[in-house]
Protein backbone atom coordinates (compact mmCIF):
# COMPACT_ATOMS: atom_id res chain seq x y z
CA MET A 1 63.79 109.56 50.63
CA THR A 2 64.32 112.38 53.14
CA THR A 3 67.20 111.90 55.58
CA PHE A 4 68.32 114.00 58.53
CA LYS A 5 70.55 113.43 61.56
CA ARG A 6 69.97 113.84 65.29
CA LYS A 7 72.10 113.24 68.37
CA LEU A 8 70.66 110.79 70.85
CA ASN A 9 71.72 112.91 73.82
CA ASP A 10 73.56 116.10 74.74
CA ASP A 11 76.87 114.33 75.29
CA GLU A 12 79.57 115.77 73.02
CA LYS A 13 80.73 112.22 72.26
CA SER A 14 77.23 111.16 71.21
CA GLU A 15 77.06 110.03 67.61
CA GLU A 16 74.49 111.40 65.21
CA ILE A 17 71.76 108.98 64.19
CA SER A 18 70.56 108.96 60.60
CA ILE A 19 66.74 109.08 60.37
CA SER A 20 65.07 108.40 57.00
CA ILE A 21 61.51 109.07 55.85
CA PRO A 22 60.44 107.54 52.51
CA SER A 23 59.23 109.89 49.80
CA HIS A 24 55.65 108.62 49.81
CA LEU A 25 55.30 109.79 53.44
CA ASN A 26 56.67 113.31 52.90
CA SER A 27 53.19 114.83 52.78
CA LEU A 28 52.36 113.28 56.16
CA LEU A 29 55.61 113.43 58.08
CA ASP A 30 58.78 115.46 58.42
CA GLU A 31 61.42 115.96 61.11
CA GLU A 32 59.38 118.54 63.02
CA LYS A 33 56.18 116.45 63.02
CA LEU A 34 58.05 113.28 63.99
CA PHE A 35 59.58 114.86 67.08
CA ALA A 36 56.30 116.59 67.93
CA PHE A 37 54.84 113.08 68.28
CA ASN A 38 55.38 112.57 72.01
CA PRO A 39 55.82 108.76 71.94
CA PHE A 40 58.71 109.06 69.45
CA LYS A 41 60.30 112.02 71.23
CA ASP A 42 60.11 110.16 74.57
CA TRP A 43 61.48 106.96 73.04
CA PHE A 44 64.40 108.84 71.44
CA GLN A 45 65.31 110.42 74.78
CA SER A 46 64.90 107.15 76.65
CA ILE A 47 67.04 105.08 74.28
CA GLY A 48 69.69 107.83 74.43
CA LYS A 49 69.82 107.67 78.24
CA SER A 50 70.01 103.90 78.17
CA MET A 51 72.87 103.92 75.65
CA LYS A 52 74.93 106.16 77.93
CA LYS A 53 74.69 103.45 80.59
CA HIS A 54 75.12 100.56 78.16
CA ASP A 55 77.61 101.94 75.66
CA HIS A 56 78.37 98.62 73.99
CA TYR A 57 75.18 99.06 71.95
CA HIS A 58 75.22 101.11 68.76
CA ILE A 59 72.30 102.59 66.80
CA LYS A 60 73.33 103.29 63.24
CA SER A 61 70.06 104.47 61.72
CA ILE A 62 66.27 104.68 61.99
CA GLU A 63 64.01 104.16 58.99
CA ILE A 64 60.36 105.19 59.16
CA GLN A 65 58.13 102.68 57.37
CA SER A 66 54.55 103.87 57.87
CA VAL A 67 52.39 106.48 59.57
CA ASP A 68 48.71 106.39 60.55
CA LEU A 69 46.81 109.59 61.21
CA PHE A 70 43.83 109.98 63.54
CA GLY A 71 40.94 112.40 63.13
CA LYS A 72 39.72 114.42 60.19
CA ALA A 73 41.57 117.02 58.14
CA PRO A 74 42.75 119.63 58.90
CA LYS A 75 42.99 118.53 62.55
CA GLN A 76 44.61 115.18 61.95
CA LYS A 77 47.30 113.99 64.32
CA ILE A 78 49.76 111.12 64.30
CA GLY A 79 48.32 107.99 65.86
CA PHE A 80 50.80 105.23 65.01
CA VAL A 81 54.32 105.14 63.56
CA LYS A 82 56.16 102.01 62.47
CA PHE A 83 59.93 102.07 62.04
CA THR A 84 63.06 99.97 62.17
CA ALA A 85 66.17 100.83 64.16
CA SER A 86 69.47 99.34 63.05
CA VAL A 87 71.06 98.30 66.36
CA THR A 88 74.13 96.19 67.04
CA ASP A 89 75.90 94.89 70.14
CA LYS A 90 79.52 95.97 69.64
CA GLU A 91 80.84 93.33 72.04
CA SER A 92 79.35 90.39 70.16
CA ASN A 93 78.86 92.16 66.81
CA GLU A 94 75.32 90.75 66.76
CA HIS A 95 72.20 92.44 65.46
CA VAL A 96 69.60 93.48 68.07
CA PRO A 97 65.95 93.29 66.89
CA GLY A 98 64.67 96.82 66.31
CA ILE A 99 61.27 96.66 64.60
CA VAL A 100 58.96 99.07 66.46
CA PHE A 101 55.21 99.68 66.28
CA MET A 102 54.88 102.97 68.14
CA ARG A 103 51.61 104.13 69.66
CA GLY A 104 52.48 105.44 73.13
CA GLY A 105 50.63 105.02 76.37
CA ALA A 106 47.12 103.77 76.93
CA VAL A 107 44.69 104.01 79.82
CA GLY A 108 42.75 101.20 81.46
CA MET A 109 40.09 101.65 84.14
CA LEU A 110 38.93 98.98 86.58
CA VAL A 111 35.45 100.23 87.52
CA VAL A 112 34.17 98.51 90.65
CA LEU A 113 30.51 98.94 91.55
CA GLU A 114 29.55 98.55 95.19
CA PRO A 115 25.80 97.87 95.46
CA GLN A 116 23.78 99.89 97.93
CA ASP A 117 21.24 98.01 100.00
CA ASP A 118 18.06 98.62 98.04
CA GLU A 119 17.92 94.83 97.76
CA LYS A 120 19.02 92.77 100.74
CA ASP A 121 18.95 89.24 101.96
CA SER A 122 16.24 88.89 104.56
CA LYS A 123 15.28 86.17 106.99
CA GLU A 124 12.65 85.70 109.62
CA GLU A 125 13.66 85.19 113.24
CA LYS A 126 11.60 84.26 116.26
CA VAL A 127 12.38 86.38 119.33
CA GLY A 128 10.30 85.25 122.27
CA SER A 129 6.67 85.33 121.17
CA LYS A 130 7.36 87.74 118.33
CA ARG A 131 8.78 87.34 114.87
CA ARG A 132 11.01 89.88 113.20
CA ILE A 133 12.66 90.29 109.81
CA THR A 134 16.43 90.82 109.85
CA GLU A 135 18.30 92.14 106.87
CA GLY A 136 21.91 91.69 105.96
CA ARG A 137 24.25 92.30 103.06
CA LYS A 138 25.13 89.53 100.71
CA GLY A 139 28.72 88.31 100.45
CA ASP A 140 31.22 89.92 98.10
CA ASP A 141 28.65 91.14 95.63
CA ARG A 142 30.79 93.86 94.12
CA CYS A 143 30.64 94.07 90.34
CA VAL A 144 32.87 95.30 87.53
CA ILE A 145 31.91 97.18 84.38
CA LEU A 146 33.29 95.61 81.21
CA THR A 147 32.90 96.73 77.63
CA VAL A 148 32.14 94.44 74.72
CA GLN A 149 33.20 95.87 71.37
CA PRO A 150 34.76 95.05 67.99
CA ARG A 151 38.53 94.65 68.08
CA ILE A 152 39.62 93.94 64.53
CA PRO A 153 43.32 93.30 65.40
CA MET A 154 42.07 90.48 67.64
CA GLY A 155 39.96 89.05 64.81
CA THR A 156 36.74 89.47 66.77
CA PHE A 157 33.69 91.71 66.97
CA ARG A 158 33.09 90.81 70.62
CA MET A 159 36.16 91.58 72.77
CA ILE A 160 35.46 91.73 76.51
CA GLU A 161 37.63 94.26 78.33
CA ILE A 162 37.71 97.09 80.84
CA PRO A 163 37.13 100.67 79.60
CA ALA A 164 40.21 101.90 77.77
CA GLY A 165 41.61 104.85 75.86
CA MET A 166 44.83 106.45 74.68
CA VAL A 167 46.84 109.09 76.47
CA ASP A 168 46.08 112.61 75.26
CA GLU A 169 48.54 114.96 73.55
CA GLU A 170 49.50 116.58 76.86
CA GLY A 171 50.44 113.22 78.33
CA LYS A 172 47.62 113.32 80.87
CA PHE A 173 46.46 110.01 82.23
CA ALA A 174 43.89 110.68 84.93
CA GLY A 175 41.98 113.27 82.93
CA GLN A 176 41.86 111.07 79.86
CA ALA A 177 40.76 108.05 81.87
CA ALA A 178 37.93 110.06 83.38
CA LYS A 179 36.88 111.15 79.90
CA GLU A 180 36.82 107.57 78.66
CA LEU A 181 34.65 106.53 81.59
CA GLU A 182 32.14 109.25 80.78
CA GLU A 183 32.08 108.36 77.08
CA GLU A 184 31.92 104.59 77.49
CA CYS A 185 30.03 104.15 80.75
CA GLY A 186 28.12 107.39 81.30
CA LEU A 187 29.92 107.99 84.61
CA LYS A 188 31.21 111.45 85.46
CA ILE A 189 34.04 111.32 87.96
CA LYS A 190 36.70 113.59 89.39
CA GLU A 191 40.39 112.89 89.05
CA ASP A 192 40.83 112.78 92.82
CA GLN A 193 38.44 109.82 92.94
CA LEU A 194 40.84 107.68 90.92
CA ILE A 195 43.39 105.34 92.45
CA ASP A 196 46.44 105.11 90.21
CA LEU A 197 47.47 101.47 90.61
CA THR A 198 50.56 101.77 88.41
CA GLU A 199 51.83 104.87 90.21
CA LEU A 200 51.48 103.20 93.61
CA ALA A 201 53.06 99.94 92.43
CA TYR A 202 56.07 101.27 90.55
CA GLN A 203 56.84 104.48 92.42
CA HIS A 204 56.09 103.60 96.02
CA ALA A 205 56.48 99.83 96.11
CA ARG A 206 59.57 99.87 93.90
CA LYS A 207 61.31 102.46 96.07
CA SER A 208 60.78 100.27 99.12
CA LEU A 209 62.76 97.40 97.55
CA PRO A 210 65.93 96.85 99.68
CA GLN A 211 69.18 97.55 97.84
CA ASN A 212 70.46 94.02 98.49
CA GLU A 213 67.39 92.60 96.74
CA LYS A 214 67.78 94.65 93.57
CA GLY A 215 68.95 93.00 90.38
CA GLU A 216 69.97 94.00 86.86
CA GLY A 217 67.49 96.44 85.34
CA ASP A 218 65.91 97.60 88.61
CA ASP A 219 67.64 100.99 88.44
CA GLU A 220 66.90 101.61 84.76
CA ASP A 221 65.33 105.02 84.11
CA ASP A 222 61.69 104.69 83.00
CA ASN A 223 61.80 108.24 81.56
CA GLY A 224 58.56 109.10 83.36
CA LYS A 225 56.57 106.40 81.57
CA ILE A 226 55.08 104.52 84.49
CA GLY A 227 53.01 101.59 83.31
CA ILE A 228 52.78 98.00 82.19
CA TYR A 229 54.32 97.07 78.85
CA THR A 230 52.15 94.63 76.95
CA SER A 231 54.48 93.66 74.10
CA PRO A 232 57.99 95.09 74.65
CA GLY A 233 59.47 92.95 71.88
CA GLY A 234 57.61 94.90 69.21
CA SER A 235 55.75 97.91 70.62
CA ASP A 236 56.31 100.81 73.01
CA GLU A 237 52.69 100.63 74.24
CA TYR A 238 52.36 100.85 78.00
CA LEU A 239 49.27 100.79 80.20
CA ARG A 240 48.42 103.21 82.97
CA LEU A 241 45.84 101.47 85.14
CA PHE A 242 43.36 103.07 87.50
CA LEU A 243 40.84 101.83 90.04
CA TYR A 244 37.54 103.63 90.43
CA LYS A 245 34.95 102.57 92.99
CA HIS A 246 31.35 103.71 92.82
CA SER A 247 28.36 102.96 95.06
CA LEU A 248 24.86 102.88 93.58
CA PRO A 249 21.56 100.99 93.94
CA ARG A 250 21.50 97.40 92.77
CA SER A 251 18.53 98.18 90.56
CA GLN A 252 20.60 100.71 88.60
CA ILE A 253 23.42 98.21 88.16
CA LYS A 254 20.93 95.81 86.59
CA GLU A 255 19.71 98.55 84.24
CA TRP A 256 23.23 99.00 82.89
CA GLU A 257 23.45 95.43 81.69
CA GLY A 258 23.37 95.48 77.88
CA LYS A 259 23.26 99.27 77.67
CA MET A 260 24.64 100.69 74.43
CA THR A 261 27.03 103.61 74.72
CA GLY A 262 30.10 105.13 73.08
CA ASN A 263 31.28 108.05 70.99
CA LEU A 264 29.25 107.88 67.77
CA ASP A 265 31.49 110.45 66.07
CA GLU A 266 34.31 107.92 66.28
CA GLY A 267 32.16 105.06 65.02
CA GLU A 268 32.13 103.23 68.34
CA LYS A 269 29.39 100.85 69.28
CA ILE A 270 30.03 99.53 72.75
CA SER A 271 27.92 97.28 74.89
CA LEU A 272 28.32 97.35 78.65
CA ARG A 273 28.49 94.17 80.65
CA VAL A 274 28.30 93.99 84.44
CA VAL A 275 29.95 90.93 86.00
CA PRO A 276 30.84 89.84 89.56
CA LEU A 277 34.28 91.05 90.63
CA LYS A 278 35.16 87.56 91.89
CA ASP A 279 34.63 86.15 88.38
CA LEU A 280 36.59 88.80 86.47
CA TRP A 281 39.78 86.74 86.11
CA LYS A 282 37.99 83.93 84.28
CA ILE A 283 35.64 86.04 82.12
CA THR A 284 38.11 88.25 80.23
CA LYS A 285 41.35 87.72 78.32
CA ASP A 286 42.09 91.42 78.56
CA ALA A 287 45.61 92.16 79.83
CA LYS A 288 44.43 95.53 81.18
CA ALA A 289 41.81 93.90 83.38
CA LEU A 290 44.02 91.09 84.63
CA SER A 291 46.98 93.41 85.27
CA ALA A 292 44.81 95.90 87.17
CA LEU A 293 43.40 93.09 89.27
CA ALA A 294 46.89 91.75 90.04
CA LEU A 295 48.23 95.21 90.99
CA TRP A 296 45.22 95.92 93.19
CA GLU A 297 45.60 92.63 95.05
CA GLY A 298 49.37 93.13 95.37
CA LEU A 299 49.04 96.64 96.79
CA LYS A 300 46.58 95.42 99.41
CA ARG A 301 48.73 92.41 100.25
CA GLU A 302 51.79 94.64 100.77
CA GLY A 303 49.82 97.04 102.97
CA ILE A 304 50.14 99.97 100.57
CA LEU A 305 46.33 100.13 100.34
CA ASP A 306 44.13 99.39 103.35
CA GLU A 307 40.89 97.40 103.27
CA ASN A 308 39.03 100.51 102.04
CA ASP A 309 41.69 101.16 99.39
CA ASN A 310 43.13 104.20 101.14
CA TYR A 311 46.84 104.79 100.56
CA ILE A 312 49.05 104.00 103.57
CA PRO A 313 52.31 106.01 103.43
CA ALA A 314 55.44 104.06 104.22
CA LYS A 315 56.81 104.61 107.71
CA LYS A 316 60.05 106.56 107.88
CA GLU A 317 62.78 104.68 109.68
């Protein structure tokens, strides 16, 4: 067992936390590598800031239990870390659950396809003695790209979800999301074409909340990790969700149905599925998809996005 100590924050009164790494992990992990893993470094800083505000909590120690590496040697990097934090509430002297599966942020992309009019509804009208054909668009015929792929933790080989990926080592979201779209869907996009739903919801909408409507926890520092937390009782994973809209011929949309794509070097085998946007909520169980849909609808309802999904800056009073 290797043990070292670190202060949670720069406060002189801050206690040192004992961090232990079992001997069988010494070849994979040490103090330097642990704190080079951005999710752990960010968590350590975040919990330190929170403890300064809520000083009746006490963290005695952290014990690393397991590490999973991604990639191939010698370029392997830490993917997941599982640990336990010994935390108590000094006021009640009760234990606070501290089992953590750490993986960091993830990216989800709601890809909306807007069909161009290479196929239109048509009808025949009689105008005087002549007949003419009039064409018009169908109703809300926008579609969404979903992926169907094996998800072993779910116990299924056919999980329906929106394109997803993990945040890269530099903490970039938009660039990584664009990369995932190209790998999984064959779409090449620019970062400025993405609409960051989480950024708009939690930075702009949250700031507009009147002070008299704020409650406990509203002013808690998010430490720069803007996103949706999927399982805060056991994991630090948070989702950064983007909207990307793309216009193309209906015939091409039909060609994409059932297309096989993915990064073969990573063993992926992904099938694309194109479904009507209006049916998305009842087709998938994916939290990324449903959360993105809810944020999108909320931003439009609050007037933060207009009908064309352009950002509307708040008016200065």
